[in-house]
Amino acid sequence: MSVDSPGYRTIPTGLPCWVELACYDEAATQRFYSGVFGWRYEVHRDPATPTGRYSISSLDGVATGGLYQAGAHSAPGWTLHISVPHTANAAEWVEHLGGEVTLGPVAIPKRGSILHAIDACGAPIVFWEAPHDWEFASGAPGTFSGADLNTHDGVAADHFYTKLFSYSCRQVGDGDSIDYAEYLIDREPVLYRYVMGAEYEPDTPPHWLVYFEISPARGTDAAAGQALMLGGSVVLEPYDTPFGRTALLADPDGSVFAVIDHSRVLQGVGRAEVDDPYDD
């Protein structure tokens, strides 16, 4: 099933199955995302977090992600989770393919098992062995839409993920000035990989950029304006791509995420001409 299918579903192997945000101020962060996306939050007990709390956001009764307070020596930011059938087996493959296991596997009551890792190109990632009744909203306005792996080493990233999940990999940039690829399952793109260009500082660490869907009635520009009014910032002004009108935003803690309106597709040009909004 495609990653952008909305509503309830069991997450197949290799698909994003959760997103999670570490923050400094839980109350302020909840107000921000509730204002931008209309999320509601429910607090759960979690002894693994610094405060013993873990909040789950939802929209129309469907979970959209997690929120917890970052520890004293950790930074805020979004983390992507990908579904695996067995975290123990995934741990072996992560190390075999040049990655590093940083935590787990850890069993979570009624929520399966998780494995924290650093992939072969240095980006943090979480693998989740989810229960059969797992629910995660995506593809609808205000919910997860997709994710880009921003890396300095596209070869290492492609080898790691295509071997781990049997993704096929297809270049959608020109492969030279813009090295932007998509990872596919059964010919359907599920994730993207971008080799960071001159628009990034050379020491920018590899990371995942999480995208959230914006409704056509509202639009990306309005969402960016609202983020500013709620105490966030616009990292990259709204711009048009063949995928939709996109903007990079940051919440009050500085955690960066993207919003996209897929109805505003740029027509009449190749992807490689517009995928890099910094290219003059």
Protein backbone atom coordinates (compact mmCIF):
# COMPACT_ATOMS: atom_id res chain seq x y z
CA MET A 1 0.00 0.00 0.00
CA SER A 2 1.31 3.45 -0.88
CA VAL A 3 2.83 5.59 1.84
CA ASP A 4 0.38 8.37 1.03
CA SER A 5 -2.76 6.30 1.58
CA PRO A 6 -4.75 8.14 4.26
CA GLY A 7 -6.35 6.76 7.40
CA TYR A 8 -5.96 3.51 9.31
CA ARG A 9 -3.79 0.68 8.08
CA THR A 10 -1.19 -1.87 9.06
CA ILE A 11 2.22 -0.59 7.98
CA PRO A 12 4.05 -2.90 5.54
CA THR A 13 7.80 -3.46 5.87
CA GLY A 14 9.98 -0.61 4.65
CA LEU A 15 7.40 2.15 4.98
CA PRO A 16 7.51 5.12 7.34
CA CYS A 17 5.38 4.14 10.33
CA TRP A 18 5.89 6.96 12.83
CA VAL A 19 7.43 10.39 13.36
CA GLU A 20 8.59 11.70 16.70
CA LEU A 21 9.63 15.12 17.95
CA ALA A 22 12.03 15.89 20.79
CA CYS A 23 11.43 19.40 22.15
CA TYR A 24 12.49 21.73 24.97
CA ASP A 25 9.08 23.11 25.96
CA GLU A 26 6.27 20.59 25.62
CA ALA A 27 3.42 23.03 26.19
CA ALA A 28 4.72 25.63 23.72
CA THR A 29 5.47 22.97 21.12
CA GLN A 30 2.01 21.48 21.42
CA ARG A 31 0.44 24.93 20.97
CA PHE A 32 2.52 25.49 17.84
CA TYR A 33 1.65 22.24 16.07
CA SER A 34 -1.97 22.37 17.19
CA GLY A 35 -2.16 25.78 15.53
CA VAL A 36 -0.39 24.74 12.32
CA PHE A 37 -2.00 21.31 11.82
CA GLY A 38 -4.96 21.12 14.20
CA TRP A 39 -3.44 18.27 16.21
CA ARG A 40 -4.75 17.21 19.61
CA TYR A 41 -2.41 15.73 22.21
CA GLU A 42 -2.86 12.96 24.73
CA VAL A 43 -0.22 12.43 27.42
CA HIS A 44 0.98 8.91 28.29
CA ARG A 45 3.38 7.67 30.94
CA ASP A 46 6.81 6.71 29.64
CA PRO A 47 9.68 6.05 32.06
CA ALA A 48 12.19 6.24 29.19
CA THR A 49 11.74 10.01 28.70
CA PRO A 50 13.36 12.64 30.95
CA THR A 51 9.96 13.78 32.27
CA GLY A 52 8.28 10.37 32.33
CA ARG A 53 5.77 11.67 29.77
CA TYR A 54 5.19 10.91 26.10
CA SER A 55 2.48 12.74 24.17
CA ILE A 56 0.75 11.32 21.09
CA SER A 57 -0.73 13.79 18.63
CA SER A 58 -3.81 12.96 16.59
CA LEU A 59 -6.07 14.41 13.94
CA ASP A 60 -9.68 13.26 13.65
CA GLY A 61 -8.90 10.48 16.10
CA VAL A 62 -5.93 9.04 14.15
CA ALA A 63 -2.38 9.23 15.57
CA THR A 64 -0.04 11.56 13.70
CA GLY A 65 3.15 11.25 15.77
CA GLY A 66 4.86 11.49 19.14
CA LEU A 67 6.28 14.26 21.30
CA TYR A 68 8.60 14.22 24.32
CA GLN A 69 10.96 16.57 26.14
CA ALA A 70 14.57 16.33 25.06
CA GLY A 71 17.18 15.46 27.67
CA ALA A 72 19.84 17.85 28.95
CA HIS A 73 22.44 16.60 26.47
CA SER A 74 20.21 16.03 23.43
CA ALA A 75 18.95 18.38 20.74
CA PRO A 76 15.36 18.93 19.61
CA GLY A 77 14.24 17.65 16.23
CA TRP A 78 12.09 15.26 14.23
CA THR A 79 12.97 11.55 13.91
CA LEU A 80 11.64 9.18 11.26
CA HIS A 81 10.65 5.57 12.06
CA ILE A 82 10.54 2.81 9.42
CA SER A 83 8.64 -0.46 9.80
CA VAL A 84 10.53 -3.75 10.05
CA PRO A 85 9.20 -7.30 10.65
CA HIS A 86 11.81 -8.09 13.34
CA THR A 87 13.98 -5.54 15.14
CA ALA A 88 16.50 -8.20 16.23
CA ASN A 89 17.11 -9.19 12.61
CA ALA A 90 17.21 -5.53 11.58
CA ALA A 91 19.93 -4.90 14.20
CA GLU A 92 22.14 -7.54 12.61
CA TRP A 93 21.61 -6.14 9.13
CA VAL A 94 22.24 -2.55 10.24
CA GLU A 95 25.70 -3.49 11.49
CA HIS A 96 26.39 -5.78 8.52
CA LEU A 97 25.62 -2.91 6.13
CA GLY A 98 27.89 -0.42 7.88
CA GLY A 99 25.45 1.23 10.27
CA GLU A 100 25.53 1.38 14.06
CA VAL A 101 22.93 0.28 16.60
CA THR A 102 22.59 2.92 19.32
CA LEU A 103 19.69 1.48 21.34
CA GLY A 104 17.72 -1.72 21.43
CA PRO A 105 15.92 -3.66 20.38
CA VAL A 106 13.58 -2.49 23.15
CA ALA A 107 10.12 -3.96 23.69
CA ILE A 108 7.37 -1.43 24.40
CA PRO A 109 4.16 -2.77 26.00
CA LYS A 110 1.33 -2.90 23.44
CA ARG A 111 3.47 -1.01 20.91
CA GLY A 112 5.88 -3.62 19.60
CA SER A 113 9.66 -3.20 19.58
CA ILE A 114 11.99 -0.39 18.51
CA LEU A 115 15.59 -0.15 17.39
CA HIS A 116 17.56 3.12 17.27
CA ALA A 117 20.44 3.29 14.82
CA ILE A 118 22.78 5.43 12.76
CA ASP A 119 22.67 4.46 9.10
CA ALA A 120 25.73 3.95 6.90
CA CYS A 121 25.85 7.62 5.88
CA GLY A 122 25.56 8.90 9.46
CA ALA A 123 21.89 9.80 9.78
CA PRO A 124 19.85 8.80 12.86
CA ILE A 125 16.93 6.46 12.13
CA VAL A 126 14.53 4.33 14.17
CA PHE A 127 13.20 0.94 13.07
CA TRP A 128 9.91 -0.21 14.52
CA GLU A 129 8.48 -3.71 14.74
CA ALA A 130 4.90 -2.51 15.03
CA PRO A 131 1.91 -4.53 16.28
CA HIS A 132 -0.60 -5.79 13.72
CA ASP A 133 -3.16 -3.12 14.64
CA TRP A 134 -0.74 -0.21 14.29
CA GLU A 135 -2.29 3.09 13.18
CA PHE A 136 -0.52 6.10 11.69
CA ALA A 137 -2.20 8.87 9.72
CA SER A 138 -0.63 9.92 6.43
CA GLY A 139 -1.49 11.46 3.10
CA ALA A 140 -4.34 13.62 4.40
CA PRO A 141 -4.03 17.34 5.20
CA GLY A 142 -2.26 17.87 8.51
CA THR A 143 -0.55 14.46 8.47
CA PHE A 144 2.73 12.87 7.39
CA SER A 145 3.42 13.13 3.66
CA GLY A 146 6.96 11.85 3.15
CA ALA A 147 10.62 12.27 4.09
CA ASP A 148 13.96 13.13 2.49
CA LEU A 149 17.27 11.71 3.65
CA ASN A 150 19.75 14.57 3.30
CA THR A 151 23.25 13.12 3.10
CA HIS A 152 26.78 13.81 1.87
CA ASP A 153 27.19 10.25 0.59
CA GLY A 154 24.44 9.10 -1.75
CA VAL A 155 26.25 5.86 -2.64
CA ALA A 156 26.49 4.74 0.99
CA ALA A 157 22.87 5.71 1.67
CA ASP A 158 21.55 3.91 -1.40
CA HIS A 159 23.50 0.74 -0.64
CA PHE A 160 22.34 0.68 2.98
CA TYR A 161 18.62 1.18 2.37
CA THR A 162 18.24 -0.82 -0.85
CA LYS A 163 19.92 -3.83 0.77
CA LEU A 164 18.06 -3.47 4.06
CA PHE A 165 14.60 -3.13 2.49
CA SER A 166 15.05 -4.29 -1.12
CA TYR A 167 14.02 -0.84 -2.30
CA SER A 168 14.60 -0.03 -5.93
CA CYS A 169 16.34 3.32 -6.42
CA ARG A 170 15.62 5.79 -9.21
CA GLN A 171 17.35 9.07 -9.91
CA VAL A 172 14.91 11.99 -10.28
CA GLY A 173 17.51 14.74 -10.44
CA ASP A 174 20.13 14.92 -13.14
CA GLY A 175 22.51 12.85 -11.00
CA ASP A 176 25.22 15.49 -11.24
CA SER A 177 24.30 19.04 -10.22
CA ILE A 178 21.24 17.63 -8.42
CA ASP A 179 21.61 14.15 -6.97
CA TYR A 180 18.07 13.40 -5.82
CA ALA A 181 16.75 9.83 -5.81
CA GLU A 182 13.60 8.07 -4.78
CA TYR A 183 13.32 4.72 -3.02
CA LEU A 184 10.48 2.58 -4.34
CA ILE A 185 8.50 -0.50 -3.33
CA ASP A 186 6.54 -2.12 -6.16
CA ARG A 187 7.24 0.95 -8.32
CA GLU A 188 5.72 3.29 -5.72
CA PRO A 189 8.05 5.90 -4.16
CA VAL A 190 8.10 5.70 -0.37
CA LEU A 191 11.15 7.82 0.59
CA TYR A 192 13.64 10.19 -1.03
CA ARG A 193 17.40 10.73 -0.77
CA TYR A 194 19.19 14.01 -1.52
CA VAL A 195 22.94 14.67 -1.65
CA MET A 196 23.34 18.05 0.05
CA GLY A 197 24.73 20.73 -2.23
CA ALA A 198 26.36 24.13 -1.72
CA GLU A 199 23.21 25.46 -0.04
CA TYR A 200 24.22 23.46 3.05
CA GLU A 201 27.23 24.14 5.24
CA PRO A 202 29.91 21.46 4.65
CA ASP A 203 29.64 20.27 8.26
CA THR A 204 25.85 19.85 8.19
CA PRO A 205 25.21 16.38 9.61
CA PRO A 206 23.16 13.85 7.61
CA HIS A 207 19.52 14.01 8.64
CA TRP A 208 15.94 13.22 7.66
CA LEU A 209 13.56 16.02 6.66
CA VAL A 210 9.94 15.18 7.43
CA TYR A 211 7.11 16.54 5.23
CA PHE A 212 3.49 17.19 6.23
CA GLU A 213 0.56 17.60 3.84
CA ILE A 214 -1.25 20.94 3.50
CA SER A 215 -4.77 21.15 2.08
CA PRO A 216 -5.24 22.99 -1.24
CA ALA A 217 -7.92 25.16 0.37
CA ARG A 218 -5.36 26.47 2.84
CA GLY A 219 -2.15 26.39 0.85
CA THR A 220 1.54 26.34 1.69
CA ASP A 221 1.89 30.12 1.85
CA ALA A 222 -0.85 30.44 4.47
CA ALA A 223 0.70 27.63 6.53
CA ALA A 224 4.06 29.41 6.46
CA GLY A 225 2.44 32.65 7.59
CA GLN A 226 0.66 30.90 10.42
CA ALA A 227 3.91 29.26 11.57
CA LEU A 228 5.42 32.73 11.89
CA MET A 229 2.49 34.03 13.92
CA LEU A 230 2.76 31.04 16.26
CA GLY A 231 6.41 31.74 17.08
CA GLY A 232 8.09 29.60 14.45
CA SER A 233 10.16 30.68 11.46
CA VAL A 234 10.33 30.22 7.69
CA VAL A 235 13.61 28.56 6.79
CA LEU A 236 12.88 28.50 3.07
CA GLU A 237 10.07 30.57 1.52
CA PRO A 238 7.35 28.67 -0.37
CA TYR A 239 8.49 27.48 -3.80
CA ASP A 240 7.04 25.37 -6.60
CA THR A 241 8.26 21.89 -7.57
CA PRO A 242 6.91 19.04 -9.74
CA PHE A 243 5.82 17.40 -6.46
CA GLY A 244 3.87 20.38 -5.10
CA ARG A 245 4.27 23.79 -3.51
CA THR A 246 6.69 23.41 -0.61
CA ALA A 247 8.12 25.42 2.28
CA LEU A 248 10.67 24.64 4.98
CA LEU A 249 9.56 25.80 8.41
CA ALA A 250 10.91 25.61 11.95
CA ASP A 251 9.03 25.41 15.22
CA PRO A 252 9.88 27.65 18.23
CA ASP A 253 12.71 25.27 19.23
CA GLY A 254 14.22 25.49 15.75
CA SER A 255 13.23 21.97 14.68
CA VAL A 256 12.92 22.02 10.90
CA PHE A 257 10.13 20.33 8.94
CA ALA A 258 8.54 20.79 5.53
CA VAL A 259 4.98 21.37 4.36
CA ILE A 260 3.71 20.56 0.90
CA ASP A 261 0.54 21.13 -1.10
CA HIS A 262 0.49 18.36 -3.71
CA SER A 263 -2.23 20.09 -5.74
CA ARG A 264 0.17 22.88 -6.73
CA VAL A 265 2.36 20.89 -9.10
CA LEU A 266 4.76 22.78 -11.34
CA GLN A 267 4.06 21.78 -14.92
CA GLY A 268 6.12 21.90 -18.08
CA VAL A 269 9.63 21.42 -16.68
CA GLY A 270 11.81 18.49 -15.74
CA ARG A 271 12.25 17.64 -12.08
CA ALA A 272 15.96 18.35 -12.16
CA GLU A 273 15.35 21.98 -13.15
CA VAL A 274 13.43 22.88 -10.02
CA ASP A 275 14.17 20.34 -7.29
CA ASP A 276 16.93 22.58 -5.91
CA PRO A 277 15.27 25.85 -4.83
CA TYR A 278 18.70 27.40 -4.15
CA ASP A 279 19.91 26.92 -7.71
CA ASP A 280 20.01 30.27 -9.50
